[in-house]
Amino acid sequence: GTVINVKIAEEVIKAGAQFIVTPNTNADVIKYAHKYDVP
């Protein structure tokens, strides 16, 4: 949770997060996570 940017998204996906939750609307985070099949 509290994945506010792509840098954090990258870190949590590498750590094994099965899904990402954001407090903000960031299209880049969505695009990055979907590249790795993470909702």
Full PDB file with SEQRES, HELIX, SHEET, SSBOND, CRYST1, ORIGX, SCALE, CONECT and MASTER records, all heavy atoms in Angstrom:
SEQRES   1 A   39  GLY THR VAL ILE ASN VAL LYS ILE ALA GLU GLU VAL ILE          
SEQRES   2 A   39  LYS ALA GLY ALA GLN PHE ILE VAL THR PRO ASN THR ASN          
SEQRES   3 A   39  ALA ASP VAL ILE LYS TYR ALA HIS LYS TYR ASP VAL PRO          
HELIX    1 AA1 VAL A    6  ALA A   15  1                                  10    
HELIX    2 AA2 ALA A   27  LYS A   35  1                                   9    
CRYST1    1.000    1.000    1.000  90.00  90.00  90.00 P 1           1          
ORIGX1      1.000000  0.000000  0.000000        0.00000                         
ORIGX2      0.000000  1.000000  0.000000        0.00000                         
ORIGX3      0.000000  0.000000  1.000000        0.00000                         
SCALE1      1.000000  0.000000  0.000000        0.00000                         
SCALE2      0.000000  1.000000  0.000000        0.00000                         
SCALE3      0.000000  0.000000  1.000000        0.00000                         
ATOM      1  N   GLY A   1       0.811  -1.208   0.000  1.00  0.00           N  
ATOM      2  CA  GLY A   1       0.000   0.000   0.000  1.00  0.00           C  
ATOM      3  C   GLY A   1       0.846   1.260   0.000  1.00  0.00           C  
ATOM      4  O   GLY A   1       2.069   1.201   0.192  1.00  0.00           O  
ATOM      5  N   THR A   2       0.194   2.392  -0.209  1.00  0.00           N  
ATOM      6  CA  THR A   2       0.860   3.699  -0.264  1.00  0.00           C  
ATOM      7  C   THR A   2       1.962   3.692  -1.323  1.00  0.00           C  
ATOM      8  O   THR A   2       3.073   4.140  -1.103  1.00  0.00           O  
ATOM      9  CB  THR A   2       1.418   4.109   1.119  1.00  0.00           C  
ATOM     10  OG1 THR A   2       0.461   3.784   2.146  1.00  0.00           O  
ATOM     11  CG2 THR A   2       1.667   5.606   1.177  1.00  0.00           C  
ATOM     12  N   VAL A   3       1.627   3.141  -2.474  1.00  0.00           N  
ATOM     13  CA  VAL A   3       2.559   3.103  -3.601  1.00  0.00           C  
ATOM     14  C   VAL A   3       2.285   4.342  -4.451  1.00  0.00           C  
ATOM     15  O   VAL A   3       1.435   4.329  -5.333  1.00  0.00           O  
ATOM     16  CB  VAL A   3       2.401   1.813  -4.422  1.00  0.00           C  
ATOM     17  CG1 VAL A   3       3.385   1.786  -5.588  1.00  0.00           C  
ATOM     18  CG2 VAL A   3       2.597   0.590  -3.533  1.00  0.00           C  
ATOM     19  N   ILE A   4       3.001   5.403  -4.167  1.00  0.00           N  
ATOM     20  CA  ILE A   4       2.674   6.698  -4.773  1.00  0.00           C  
ATOM     21  C   ILE A   4       3.432   6.977  -6.072  1.00  0.00           C  
ATOM     22  O   ILE A   4       3.098   7.929  -6.780  1.00  0.00           O  
ATOM     23  CB  ILE A   4       2.938   7.850  -3.778  1.00  0.00           C  
ATOM     24  CG1 ILE A   4       4.415   7.884  -3.364  1.00  0.00           C  
ATOM     25  CG2 ILE A   4       2.031   7.716  -2.555  1.00  0.00           C  
ATOM     26  CD1 ILE A   4       4.769   9.073  -2.474  1.00  0.00           C  
ATOM     27  N   ASN A   5       4.437   6.153  -6.389  1.00  0.00           N  
ATOM     28  CA  ASN A   5       5.195   6.395  -7.611  1.00  0.00           C  
ATOM     29  C   ASN A   5       5.774   5.088  -8.153  1.00  0.00           C  
ATOM     30  O   ASN A   5       5.686   4.033  -7.517  1.00  0.00           O  
ATOM     31  CB  ASN A   5       6.311   7.424  -7.358  1.00  0.00           C  
ATOM     32  CG  ASN A   5       7.232   7.031  -6.211  1.00  0.00           C  
ATOM     33  OD1 ASN A   5       7.688   5.891  -6.122  1.00  0.00           O  
ATOM     34  ND2 ASN A   5       7.498   7.971  -5.307  1.00  0.00           N  
ATOM     35  N   VAL A   6       6.372   5.188  -9.339  1.00  0.00           N  
ATOM     36  CA  VAL A   6       6.897   3.998 -10.014  1.00  0.00           C  
ATOM     37  C   VAL A   6       8.079   3.398  -9.261  1.00  0.00           C  
ATOM     38  O   VAL A   6       8.250   2.175  -9.234  1.00  0.00           O  
ATOM     39  CB  VAL A   6       7.294   4.336 -11.465  1.00  0.00           C  
ATOM     40  CG1 VAL A   6       8.032   3.174 -12.115  1.00  0.00           C  
ATOM     41  CG2 VAL A   6       6.054   4.692 -12.281  1.00  0.00           C  
ATOM     42  N   LYS A   7       8.884   4.212  -8.632  1.00  0.00           N  
ATOM     43  CA  LYS A   7      10.026   3.700  -7.885  1.00  0.00           C  
ATOM     44  C   LYS A   7       9.579   2.735  -6.797  1.00  0.00           C  
ATOM     45  O   LYS A   7      10.153   1.639  -6.644  1.00  0.00           O  
ATOM     46  CB  LYS A   7      10.810   4.852  -7.255  1.00  0.00           C  
ATOM     47  CG  LYS A   7      12.016   4.388  -6.452  1.00  0.00           C  
ATOM     48  CD  LYS A   7      12.743   5.559  -5.802  1.00  0.00           C  
ATOM     49  CE  LYS A   7      13.915   5.067  -4.958  1.00  0.00           C  
ATOM     50  NZ  LYS A   7      14.618   6.185  -4.275  1.00  0.00           N  
ATOM     51  N   ILE A   8       8.573   3.128  -6.036  1.00  0.00           N  
ATOM     52  CA  ILE A   8       8.069   2.240  -4.982  1.00  0.00           C  
ATOM     53  C   ILE A   8       7.415   1.014  -5.599  1.00  0.00           C  
ATOM     54  O   ILE A   8       7.561  -0.108  -5.099  1.00  0.00           O  
ATOM     55  CB  ILE A   8       7.073   2.987  -4.066  1.00  0.00           C  
ATOM     56  CG1 ILE A   8       7.778   4.149  -3.360  1.00  0.00           C  
ATOM     57  CG2 ILE A   8       6.481   2.027  -3.029  1.00  0.00           C  
ATOM     58  CD1 ILE A   8       6.841   5.025  -2.543  1.00  0.00           C  
ATOM     59  N   ALA A   9       6.686   1.209  -6.700  1.00  0.00           N  
ATOM     60  CA  ALA A   9       6.052   0.080  -7.390  1.00  0.00           C  
ATOM     61  C   ALA A   9       7.094  -0.957  -7.794  1.00  0.00           C  
ATOM     62  O   ALA A   9       6.897  -2.168  -7.622  1.00  0.00           O  
ATOM     63  CB  ALA A   9       5.292   0.571  -8.616  1.00  0.00           C  
ATOM     64  N   GLU A  10       8.202  -0.489  -8.316  1.00  0.00           N  
ATOM     65  CA  GLU A  10       9.285  -1.390  -8.719  1.00  0.00           C  
ATOM     66  C   GLU A  10       9.812  -2.174  -7.525  1.00  0.00           C  
ATOM     67  O   GLU A  10      10.013  -3.394  -7.602  1.00  0.00           O  
ATOM     68  CB  GLU A  10      10.417  -0.579  -9.353  1.00  0.00           C  
ATOM     69  CG  GLU A  10      11.594  -1.414  -9.813  1.00  0.00           C  
ATOM     70  CD  GLU A  10      12.702  -0.579 -10.434  1.00  0.00           C  
ATOM     71  OE1 GLU A  10      12.572   0.663 -10.450  1.00  0.00           O  
ATOM     72  OE2 GLU A  10      13.694  -1.170 -10.882  1.00  0.00           O  
ATOM     73  N   GLU A  11      10.009  -1.488  -6.413  1.00  0.00           N  
ATOM     74  CA  GLU A  11      10.559  -2.133  -5.214  1.00  0.00           C  
ATOM     75  C   GLU A  11       9.615  -3.194  -4.654  1.00  0.00           C  
ATOM     76  O   GLU A  11      10.049  -4.298  -4.303  1.00  0.00           O  
ATOM     77  CB  GLU A  11      10.833  -1.077  -4.141  1.00  0.00           C  
ATOM     78  CG  GLU A  11      11.966  -0.131  -4.484  1.00  0.00           C  
ATOM     79  CD  GLU A  11      12.121   0.989  -3.464  1.00  0.00           C  
ATOM     80  OE1 GLU A  11      11.164   1.227  -2.682  1.00  0.00           O  
ATOM     81  OE2 GLU A  11      13.183   1.622  -3.450  1.00  0.00           O  
ATOM     82  N   VAL A  12       8.330  -2.868  -4.558  1.00  0.00           N  
ATOM     83  CA  VAL A  12       7.391  -3.805  -3.934  1.00  0.00           C  
ATOM     84  C   VAL A  12       7.109  -5.012  -4.825  1.00  0.00           C  
ATOM     85  O   VAL A  12       6.890  -6.121  -4.328  1.00  0.00           O  
ATOM     86  CB  VAL A  12       6.076  -3.105  -3.514  1.00  0.00           C  
ATOM     87  CG1 VAL A  12       6.360  -2.027  -2.491  1.00  0.00           C  
ATOM     88  CG2 VAL A  12       5.313  -2.543  -4.709  1.00  0.00           C  
ATOM     89  N   ILE A  13       7.124  -4.793  -6.134  1.00  0.00           N  
ATOM     90  CA  ILE A  13       6.930  -5.925  -7.041  1.00  0.00           C  
ATOM     91  C   ILE A  13       8.120  -6.884  -6.933  1.00  0.00           C  
ATOM     92  O   ILE A  13       7.942  -8.113  -6.897  1.00  0.00           O  
ATOM     93  CB  ILE A  13       6.730  -5.438  -8.485  1.00  0.00           C  
ATOM     94  CG1 ILE A  13       5.350  -4.774  -8.614  1.00  0.00           C  
ATOM     95  CG2 ILE A  13       6.841  -6.604  -9.477  1.00  0.00           C  
ATOM     96  CD1 ILE A  13       5.103  -4.091  -9.940  1.00  0.00           C  
ATOM     97  N   LYS A  14       9.312  -6.348  -6.838  1.00  0.00           N  
ATOM     98  CA  LYS A  14      10.498  -7.200  -6.648  1.00  0.00           C  
ATOM     99  C   LYS A  14      10.432  -7.938  -5.308  1.00  0.00           C  
ATOM    100  O   LYS A  14      10.936  -9.061  -5.189  1.00  0.00           O  
ATOM    101  CB  LYS A  14      11.763  -6.344  -6.704  1.00  0.00           C  
ATOM    102  CG  LYS A  14      12.135  -5.884  -8.099  1.00  0.00           C  
ATOM    103  CD  LYS A  14      13.425  -5.072  -8.077  1.00  0.00           C  
ATOM    104  CE  LYS A  14      13.817  -4.634  -9.484  1.00  0.00           C  
ATOM    105  NZ  LYS A  14      15.053  -3.798  -9.485  1.00  0.00           N  
ATOM    106  N   ALA A  15       9.797  -7.307  -4.319  1.00  0.00           N  
ATOM    107  CA  ALA A  15       9.672  -7.940  -3.002  1.00  0.00           C  
ATOM    108  C   ALA A  15       8.591  -9.010  -2.973  1.00  0.00           C  
ATOM    109  O   ALA A  15       8.495  -9.769  -2.006  1.00  0.00           O  
ATOM    110  CB  ALA A  15       9.377  -6.873  -1.945  1.00  0.00           C  
ATOM    111  N   GLY A  16       7.771  -9.053  -4.028  1.00  0.00           N  
ATOM    112  CA  GLY A  16       6.760 -10.106  -4.114  1.00  0.00           C  
ATOM    113  C   GLY A  16       5.325  -9.669  -3.913  1.00  0.00           C  
ATOM    114  O   GLY A  16       4.438 -10.530  -3.793  1.00  0.00           O  
ATOM    115  N   ALA A  17       5.065  -8.374  -3.870  1.00  0.00           N  
ATOM    116  CA  ALA A  17       3.687  -7.909  -3.683  1.00  0.00           C  
ATOM    117  C   ALA A  17       2.787  -8.448  -4.791  1.00  0.00           C  
ATOM    118  O   ALA A  17       3.114  -8.343  -5.975  1.00  0.00           O  
ATOM    119  CB  ALA A  17       3.639  -6.379  -3.669  1.00  0.00           C  
ATOM    120  N   GLN A  18       1.658  -9.008  -4.393  1.00  0.00           N  
ATOM    121  CA  GLN A  18       0.734  -9.593  -5.375  1.00  0.00           C  
ATOM    122  C   GLN A  18      -0.246  -8.566  -5.941  1.00  0.00           C  
ATOM    123  O   GLN A  18      -0.881  -8.810  -6.954  1.00  0.00           O  
ATOM    124  CB  GLN A  18      -0.039 -10.743  -4.734  1.00  0.00           C  
ATOM    125  CG  GLN A  18       0.840 -11.943  -4.420  1.00  0.00           C  
ATOM    126  CD  GLN A  18       0.131 -12.946  -3.551  1.00  0.00           C  
ATOM    127  OE1 GLN A  18      -0.054 -12.715  -2.345  1.00  0.00           O  
ATOM    128  NE2 GLN A  18      -0.270 -14.059  -4.129  1.00  0.00           N  
ATOM    129  N   PHE A  19      -0.365  -7.456  -5.267  1.00  0.00           N  
ATOM    130  CA  PHE A  19      -1.175  -6.353  -5.773  1.00  0.00           C  
ATOM    131  C   PHE A  19      -0.643  -5.054  -5.186  1.00  0.00           C  
ATOM    132  O   PHE A  19       0.099  -5.062  -4.196  1.00  0.00           O  
ATOM    133  CB  PHE A  19      -2.664  -6.536  -5.450  1.00  0.00           C  
ATOM    134  CG  PHE A  19      -2.982  -6.545  -3.975  1.00  0.00           C  
ATOM    135  CD1 PHE A  19      -3.355  -5.387  -3.307  1.00  0.00           C  
ATOM    136  CD2 PHE A  19      -2.927  -7.726  -3.247  1.00  0.00           C  
ATOM    137  CE1 PHE A  19      -3.655  -5.398  -1.946  1.00  0.00           C  
ATOM    138  CE2 PHE A  19      -3.223  -7.759  -1.892  1.00  0.00           C  
ATOM    139  CZ  PHE A  19      -3.583  -6.583  -1.238  1.00  0.00           C  
ATOM    140  N   ILE A  20      -1.003  -3.947  -5.812  1.00  0.00           N  
ATOM    141  CA  ILE A  20      -0.535  -2.639  -5.393  1.00  0.00           C  
ATOM    142  C   ILE A  20      -1.741  -1.764  -5.085  1.00  0.00           C  
ATOM    143  O   ILE A  20      -2.756  -1.815  -5.783  1.00  0.00           O  
ATOM    144  CB  ILE A  20       0.324  -1.996  -6.503  1.00  0.00           C  
ATOM    145  CG1 ILE A  20       1.731  -2.600  -6.519  1.00  0.00           C  
ATOM    146  CG2 ILE A  20       0.406  -0.484  -6.347  1.00  0.00           C  
ATOM    147  CD1 ILE A  20       2.580  -2.116  -7.668  1.00  0.00           C  
ATOM    148  N   VAL A  21      -1.613  -0.948  -4.050  1.00  0.00           N  
ATOM    149  CA  VAL A  21      -2.666  -0.006  -3.687  1.00  0.00           C  
ATOM    150  C   VAL A  21      -2.060   1.392  -3.617  1.00  0.00           C  
ATOM    151  O   VAL A  21      -1.009   1.586  -3.002  1.00  0.00           O  
ATOM    152  CB  VAL A  21      -3.307  -0.357  -2.327  1.00  0.00           C  
ATOM    153  CG1 VAL A  21      -4.496   0.561  -2.042  1.00  0.00           C  
ATOM    154  CG2 VAL A  21      -3.747  -1.822  -2.304  1.00  0.00           C  
ATOM    155  N   THR A  22      -2.723   2.347  -4.244  1.00  0.00           N  
ATOM    156  CA  THR A  22      -2.219   3.717  -4.238  1.00  0.00           C  
ATOM    157  C   THR A  22      -3.215   4.646  -3.552  1.00  0.00           C  
ATOM    158  O   THR A  22      -4.421   4.397  -3.583  1.00  0.00           O  
ATOM    159  CB  THR A  22      -1.985   4.245  -5.671  1.00  0.00           C  
ATOM    160  OG1 THR A  22      -3.238   4.641  -6.241  1.00  0.00           O  
ATOM    161  CG2 THR A  22      -1.342   3.185  -6.554  1.00  0.00           C  
ATOM    162  N   PRO A  23      -2.732   5.746  -2.957  1.00  0.00           N  
ATOM    163  CA  PRO A  23      -3.646   6.748  -2.413  1.00  0.00           C  
ATOM    164  C   PRO A  23      -3.966   7.818  -3.459  1.00  0.00           C  
ATOM    165  O   PRO A  23      -4.852   8.639  -3.269  1.00  0.00           O  
ATOM    166  CB  PRO A  23      -2.841   7.353  -1.259  1.00  0.00           C  
ATOM    167  CG  PRO A  23      -1.425   7.268  -1.740  1.00  0.00           C  
ATOM    168  CD  PRO A  23      -1.329   6.010  -2.568  1.00  0.00           C  
ATOM    169  N   ASN A  24      -3.225   7.766  -4.576  1.00  0.00           N  
ATOM    170  CA  ASN A  24      -3.331   8.791  -5.612  1.00  0.00           C  
ATOM    171  C   ASN A  24      -3.605   8.154  -6.971  1.00  0.00           C  
ATOM    172  O   ASN A  24      -3.525   6.941  -7.140  1.00  0.00           O  
ATOM    173  CB  ASN A  24      -2.030   9.609  -5.674  1.00  0.00           C  
ATOM    174  CG  ASN A  24      -0.807   8.737  -5.921  1.00  0.00           C  
ATOM    175  OD1 ASN A  24      -0.747   7.589  -5.484  1.00  0.00           O  
ATOM    176  ND2 ASN A  24       0.183   9.264  -6.627  1.00  0.00           N  
ATOM    177  N   THR A  25      -3.915   9.017  -7.951  1.00  0.00           N  
ATOM    178  CA  THR A  25      -4.193   8.539  -9.301  1.00  0.00           C  
ATOM    179  C   THR A  25      -2.953   8.761 -10.154  1.00  0.00           C  
ATOM    180  O   THR A  25      -2.697   9.871 -10.618  1.00  0.00           O  
ATOM    181  CB  THR A  25      -5.393   9.295  -9.905  1.00  0.00           C  
ATOM    182  OG1 THR A  25      -6.491   9.253  -8.988  1.00  0.00           O  
ATOM    183  CG2 THR A  25      -5.826   8.676 -11.221  1.00  0.00           C  
ATOM    184  N   ASN A  26      -2.178   7.702 -10.360  1.00  0.00           N  
ATOM    185  CA  ASN A  26      -0.917   7.795 -11.081  1.00  0.00           C  
ATOM    186  C   ASN A  26      -0.927   6.773 -12.214  1.00  0.00           C  
ATOM    187  O   ASN A  26      -0.763   5.574 -11.987  1.00  0.00           O  
ATOM    188  CB  ASN A  26       0.262   7.553 -10.134  1.00  0.00           C  
ATOM    189  CG  ASN A  26       1.600   7.823 -10.782  1.00  0.00           C  
ATOM    190  OD1 ASN A  26       1.794   7.589 -11.970  1.00  0.00           O  
ATOM    191  ND2 ASN A  26       2.549   8.306  -9.984  1.00  0.00           N  
ATOM    192  N   ALA A  27      -1.124   7.259 -13.430  1.00  0.00           N  
ATOM    193  CA  ALA A  27      -1.222   6.366 -14.584  1.00  0.00           C  
ATOM    194  C   ALA A  27       0.063   5.586 -14.808  1.00  0.00           C  
ATOM    195  O   ALA A  27       0.039   4.438 -15.273  1.00  0.00           O  
ATOM    196  CB  ALA A  27      -1.571   7.170 -15.830  1.00  0.00           C  
ATOM    197  N   ASP A  28       1.204   6.177 -14.483  1.00  0.00           N  
ATOM    198  CA  ASP A  28       2.489   5.497 -14.684  1.00  0.00           C  
ATOM    199  C   ASP A  28       2.627   4.277 -13.779  1.00  0.00           C  
ATOM    200  O   ASP A  28       3.216   3.265 -14.179  1.00  0.00           O  
ATOM    201  CB  ASP A  28       3.649   6.465 -14.420  1.00  0.00           C  
ATOM    202  CG  ASP A  28       3.778   7.532 -15.501  1.00  0.00           C  
ATOM    203  OD1 ASP A  28       3.298   7.293 -16.630  1.00  0.00           O  
ATOM    204  OD2 ASP A  28       4.335   8.605 -15.216  1.00  0.00           O  
ATOM    205  N   VAL A  29       2.096   4.372 -12.578  1.00  0.00           N  
ATOM    206  CA  VAL A  29       2.138   3.229 -11.658  1.00  0.00           C  
ATOM    207  C   VAL A  29       1.295   2.083 -12.213  1.00  0.00           C  
ATOM    208  O   VAL A  29       1.703   0.913 -12.181  1.00  0.00           O  
ATOM    209  CB  VAL A  29       1.652   3.633 -10.251  1.00  0.00           C  
ATOM    210  CG1 VAL A  29       1.436   2.395  -9.382  1.00  0.00           C  
ATOM    211  CG2 VAL A  29       2.666   4.563  -9.589  1.00  0.00           C  
ATOM    212  N   ILE A  30       0.117   2.414 -12.730  1.00  0.00           N  
ATOM    213  CA  ILE A  30      -0.756   1.388 -13.313  1.00  0.00           C  
ATOM    214  C   ILE A  30      -0.048   0.700 -14.478  1.00  0.00           C  
ATOM    215  O   ILE A  30      -0.010  -0.532 -14.566  1.00  0.00           O  
ATOM    216  CB  ILE A  30      -2.082   2.005 -13.800  1.00  0.00           C  
ATOM    217  CG1 ILE A  30      -2.811   2.715 -12.662  1.00  0.00           C  
ATOM    218  CG2 ILE A  30      -2.981   0.916 -14.396  1.00  0.00           C  
ATOM    219  CD1 ILE A  30      -4.020   3.520 -13.111  1.00  0.00           C  
ATOM    220  N   LYS A  31       0.512   1.499 -15.364  1.00  0.00           N  
ATOM    221  CA  LYS A  31       1.195   0.967 -16.544  1.00  0.00           C  
ATOM    222  C   LYS A  31       2.366   0.069 -16.147  1.00  0.00           C  
ATOM    223  O   LYS A  31       2.536  -1.025 -16.704  1.00  0.00           O  
ATOM    224  CB  LYS A  31       1.695   2.123 -17.407  1.00  0.00           C  
ATOM    225  CG  LYS A  31       2.383   1.692 -18.690  1.00  0.00           C  
ATOM    226  CD  LYS A  31       2.825   2.912 -19.498  1.00  0.00           C  
ATOM    227  CE  LYS A  31       3.543   2.501 -20.780  1.00  0.00           C  
ATOM    228  NZ  LYS A  31       3.979   3.696 -21.559  1.00  0.00           N  
ATOM    229  N   TYR A  32       3.152   0.509 -15.175  1.00  0.00           N  
ATOM    230  CA  TYR A  32       4.310  -0.268 -14.745  1.00  0.00           C  
ATOM    231  C   TYR A  32       3.870  -1.589 -14.126  1.00  0.00           C  
ATOM    232  O   TYR A  32       4.413  -2.655 -14.455  1.00  0.00           O  
ATOM    233  CB  TYR A  32       5.150   0.520 -13.743  1.00  0.00           C  
ATOM    234  CG  TYR A  32       6.394  -0.216 -13.314  1.00  0.00           C  
ATOM    235  CD1 TYR A  32       7.564  -0.143 -14.060  1.00  0.00           C  
ATOM    236  CD2 TYR A  32       6.393  -1.024 -12.169  1.00  0.00           C  
ATOM    237  CE1 TYR A  32       8.706  -0.854 -13.691  1.00  0.00           C  
ATOM    238  CE2 TYR A  32       7.518  -1.731 -11.788  1.00  0.00           C  
ATOM    239  CZ  TYR A  32       8.671  -1.642 -12.554  1.00  0.00           C  
ATOM    240  OH  TYR A  32       9.784  -2.366 -12.184  1.00  0.00           O  
ATOM    241  N   ALA A  33       2.904  -1.536 -13.211  1.00  0.00           N  
ATOM    242  CA  ALA A  33       2.457  -2.764 -12.534  1.00  0.00           C  
ATOM    243  C   ALA A  33       1.869  -3.757 -13.525  1.00  0.00           C  
ATOM    244  O   ALA A  33       2.135  -4.962 -13.446  1.00  0.00           O  
ATOM    245  CB  ALA A  33       1.434  -2.408 -11.461  1.00  0.00           C  
ATOM    246  N   HIS A  34       1.087  -3.273 -14.480  1.00  0.00           N  
ATOM    247  CA  HIS A  34       0.459  -4.170 -15.446  1.00  0.00           C  
ATOM    248  C   HIS A  34       1.492  -4.841 -16.352  1.00  0.00           C  
ATOM    249  O   HIS A  34       1.260  -5.946 -16.856  1.00  0.00           O  
ATOM    250  CB  HIS A  34      -0.564  -3.407 -16.280  1.00  0.00           C  
ATOM    251  CG  HIS A  34      -1.827  -3.124 -15.538  1.00  0.00           C  
ATOM    252  ND1 HIS A  34      -2.898  -2.457 -16.098  1.00  0.00           N  
ATOM    253  CD2 HIS A  34      -2.206  -3.422 -14.266  1.00  0.00           C  
ATOM    254  CE1 HIS A  34      -3.864  -2.354 -15.207  1.00  0.00           C  
ATOM    255  NE2 HIS A  34      -3.465  -2.927 -14.088  1.00  0.00           N  
ATOM    256  N   LYS A  35       2.625  -4.196 -16.538  1.00  0.00           N  
ATOM    257  CA  LYS A  35       3.700  -4.802 -17.327  1.00  0.00           C  
ATOM    258  C   LYS A  35       4.173  -6.103 -16.680  1.00  0.00           C  
ATOM    259  O   LYS A  35       4.630  -7.023 -17.352  1.00  0.00           O  
ATOM    260  CB  LYS A  35       4.860  -3.814 -17.460  1.00  0.00           C  
ATOM    261  CG  LYS A  35       5.997  -4.299 -18.353  1.00  0.00           C  
ATOM    262  CD  LYS A  35       6.977  -3.178 -18.674  1.00  0.00           C  
ATOM    263  CE  LYS A  35       7.777  -2.766 -17.460  1.00  0.00           C  
ATOM    264  NZ  LYS A  35       8.871  -1.813 -17.821  1.00  0.00           N  
ATOM    265  N   TYR A  36       4.017  -6.169 -15.347  1.00  0.00           N  
ATOM    266  CA  TYR A  36       4.419  -7.365 -14.599  1.00  0.00           C  
ATOM    267  C   TYR A  36       3.204  -8.177 -14.139  1.00  0.00           C  
ATOM    268  O   TYR A  36       3.322  -9.029 -13.257  1.00  0.00           O  
ATOM    269  CB  TYR A  36       5.288  -6.957 -13.410  1.00  0.00           C  
ATOM    270  CG  TYR A  36       6.611  -6.366 -13.842  1.00  0.00           C  
ATOM    271  CD1 TYR A  36       6.765  -4.994 -13.985  1.00  0.00           C  
ATOM    272  CD2 TYR A  36       7.687  -7.185 -14.155  1.00  0.00           C  
ATOM    273  CE1 TYR A  36       7.970  -4.446 -14.408  1.00  0.00           C  
ATOM    274  CE2 TYR A  36       8.897  -6.655 -14.578  1.00  0.00           C  
ATOM    275  CZ  TYR A  36       9.028  -5.276 -14.705  1.00  0.00           C  
ATOM    276  OH  TYR A  36      10.221  -4.743 -15.143  1.00  0.00           O  
ATOM    277  N   ASP A  37       2.054  -7.889 -14.744  1.00  0.00           N  
ATOM    278  CA  ASP A  37       0.817  -8.622 -14.462  1.00  0.00           C  
ATOM    279  C   ASP A  37       0.373  -8.483 -13.005  1.00  0.00           C  
ATOM    280  O   ASP A  37      -0.192  -9.409 -12.414  1.00  0.00           O  
ATOM    281  CB  ASP A  37       0.980 -10.107 -14.816  1.00  0.00           C  
ATOM    282  CG  ASP A  37      -0.351 -10.773 -15.141  1.00  0.00           C  
ATOM    283  OD1 ASP A  37      -1.243 -10.095 -15.689  1.00  0.00           O  
ATOM    284  OD2 ASP A  37      -0.513 -11.971 -14.827  1.00  0.00           O  
ATOM    285  N   VAL A  38       0.640  -7.319 -12.424  1.00  0.00           N  
ATOM    286  CA  VAL A  38       0.251  -7.031 -11.043  1.00  0.00           C  
ATOM    287  C   VAL A  38      -0.914  -6.040 -11.048  1.00  0.00           C  
ATOM    288  O   VAL A  38      -0.813  -4.976 -11.672  1.00  0.00           O  
ATOM    289  CB  VAL A  38       1.436  -6.438 -10.249  1.00  0.00           C  
ATOM    290  CG1 VAL A  38       0.998  -6.005  -8.849  1.00  0.00           C  
ATOM    291  CG2 VAL A  38       2.572  -7.452 -10.165  1.00  0.00           C  
ATOM    292  N   PRO A  39      -2.009  -6.357 -10.375  1.00  0.00           N  
ATOM    293  CA  PRO A  39      -3.165  -5.458 -10.354  1.00  0.00           C  
ATOM    294  C   PRO A  39      -2.952  -4.250  -9.443  1.00  0.00           C  
ATOM    295  O   PRO A  39      -2.145  -4.300  -8.514  1.00  0.00           O  
ATOM    296  CB  PRO A  39      -4.295  -6.336  -9.822  1.00  0.00           C  
ATOM    297  CG  PRO A  39      -3.612  -7.380  -9.020  1.00  0.00           C  
ATOM    298  CD  PRO A  39      -2.290  -7.622  -9.688  1.00  0.00           C  
TER     299      PRO A  39                                                      
MASTER        0    0    0    2    0    0    0    6  298    1    0    3          
END                                                                             
